[in-house]
């Protein structure tokens, strides 16, 4: 039960990702419609620290 709650409960990993995942299937989807610059910056910082 803990795993289902982790994935689908509030806030839930999959529950948070679902809107962006479903947006991919829209006819007018383009990746630039999703602003992920903050996530990209965070990942680049983590890579710089690890290098």
C-alpha atoms as a PDB file:
ATOM      1  CA  UNK A   1       0.000   0.000   0.000  1.00  0.00           C
ATOM      2  CA  UNK A   2       2.908   2.363   0.695  1.00  0.00           C
ATOM      3  CA  UNK A   3       4.151   2.074  -2.882  1.00  0.00           C
ATOM      4  CA  UNK A   4       0.777   2.983  -4.369  1.00  0.00           C
ATOM      5  CA  UNK A   5       0.521   5.967  -2.081  1.00  0.00           C
ATOM      6  CA  UNK A   6       4.045   7.053  -3.045  1.00  0.00           C
ATOM      7  CA  UNK A   7       3.150   6.878  -6.748  1.00  0.00           C
ATOM      8  CA  UNK A   8      -0.494   8.003  -6.836  1.00  0.00           C
ATOM      9  CA  UNK A   9      -1.236   9.613  -3.445  1.00  0.00           C
ATOM     10  CA  UNK A  10      -0.936  13.304  -2.697  1.00  0.00           C
ATOM     11  CA  UNK A  11       1.393  14.626  -3.996  1.00  0.00           C
ATOM     12  CA  UNK A  12       2.560  11.342  -5.597  1.00  0.00           C
ATOM     13  CA  UNK A  13       5.340  11.051  -8.153  1.00  0.00           C
ATOM     14  CA  UNK A  14       3.178   9.845 -11.045  1.00  0.00           C
ATOM     15  CA  UNK A  15       0.356  12.160 -10.114  1.00  0.00           C
ATOM     16  CA  UNK A  16       2.697  15.145 -10.500  1.00  0.00           C
ATOM     17  CA  UNK A  17       4.108  13.916 -13.840  1.00  0.00           C
ATOM     18  CA  UNK A  18       0.810  12.918 -15.426  1.00  0.00           C
ATOM     19  CA  UNK A  19      -0.180  16.326 -16.898  1.00  0.00           C
ATOM     20  CA  UNK A  20       3.157  16.742 -18.704  1.00  0.00           C
ATOM     21  CA  UNK A  21       3.057  13.138 -19.888  1.00  0.00           C
ATOM     22  CA  UNK A  22      -0.457  13.506 -21.295  1.00  0.00           C
ATOM     23  CA  UNK A  23       0.466  16.807 -22.962  1.00  0.00           C
ATOM     24  CA  UNK A  24       2.892  14.847 -25.152  1.00  0.00           C
ATOM     25  CA  UNK A  25      -0.059  13.176 -26.883  1.00  0.00           C
ATOM     26  CA  UNK A  26      -1.789  16.418 -27.914  1.00  0.00           C
ATOM     27  CA  UNK A  27      -1.835  17.081 -31.646  1.00  0.00           C
ATOM     28  CA  UNK A  28      -0.301  20.520 -31.171  1.00  0.00           C
ATOM     29  CA  UNK A  29       2.417  19.400 -28.731  1.00  0.00           C
ATOM     30  CA  UNK A  30       5.867  20.896 -28.955  1.00  0.00           C
ATOM     31  CA  UNK A  31       8.558  20.468 -26.253  1.00  0.00           C
ATOM     32  CA  UNK A  32       9.145  24.209 -26.098  1.00  0.00           C
ATOM     33  CA  UNK A  33       5.641  24.631 -24.676  1.00  0.00           C
ATOM     34  CA  UNK A  34       6.901  23.255 -21.363  1.00  0.00           C
ATOM     35  CA  UNK A  35       9.198  25.586 -19.470  1.00  0.00           C
ATOM     36  CA  UNK A  36      11.757  23.355 -17.772  1.00  0.00           C
ATOM     37  CA  UNK A  37      14.635  25.838 -17.559  1.00  0.00           C
ATOM     38  CA  UNK A  38      14.732  25.628 -13.751  1.00  0.00           C
ATOM     39  CA  UNK A  39      15.046  21.841 -13.869  1.00  0.00           C
ATOM     40  CA  UNK A  40      17.713  22.071 -16.553  1.00  0.00           C
ATOM     41  CA  UNK A  41      19.707  24.591 -14.494  1.00  0.00           C
ATOM     42  CA  UNK A  42      19.520  22.393 -11.407  1.00  0.00           C
ATOM     43  CA  UNK A  43      20.720  19.344 -13.345  1.00  0.00           C
ATOM     44  CA  UNK A  44      23.578  21.280 -14.926  1.00  0.00           C
ATOM     45  CA  UNK A  45      24.704  22.469 -11.473  1.00  0.00           C
ATOM     46  CA  UNK A  46      24.670  18.914 -10.162  1.00  0.00           C
ATOM     47  CA  UNK A  47      26.756  17.778 -13.125  1.00  0.00           C
ATOM     48  CA  UNK A  48      29.274  20.583 -12.547  1.00  0.00           C
ATOM     49  CA  UNK A  49      29.640  19.606  -8.886  1.00  0.00           C
ATOM     50  CA  UNK A  50      30.068  15.928  -9.763  1.00  0.00           C
ATOM     51  CA  UNK A  51      32.741  16.618 -12.411  1.00  0.00           C
END
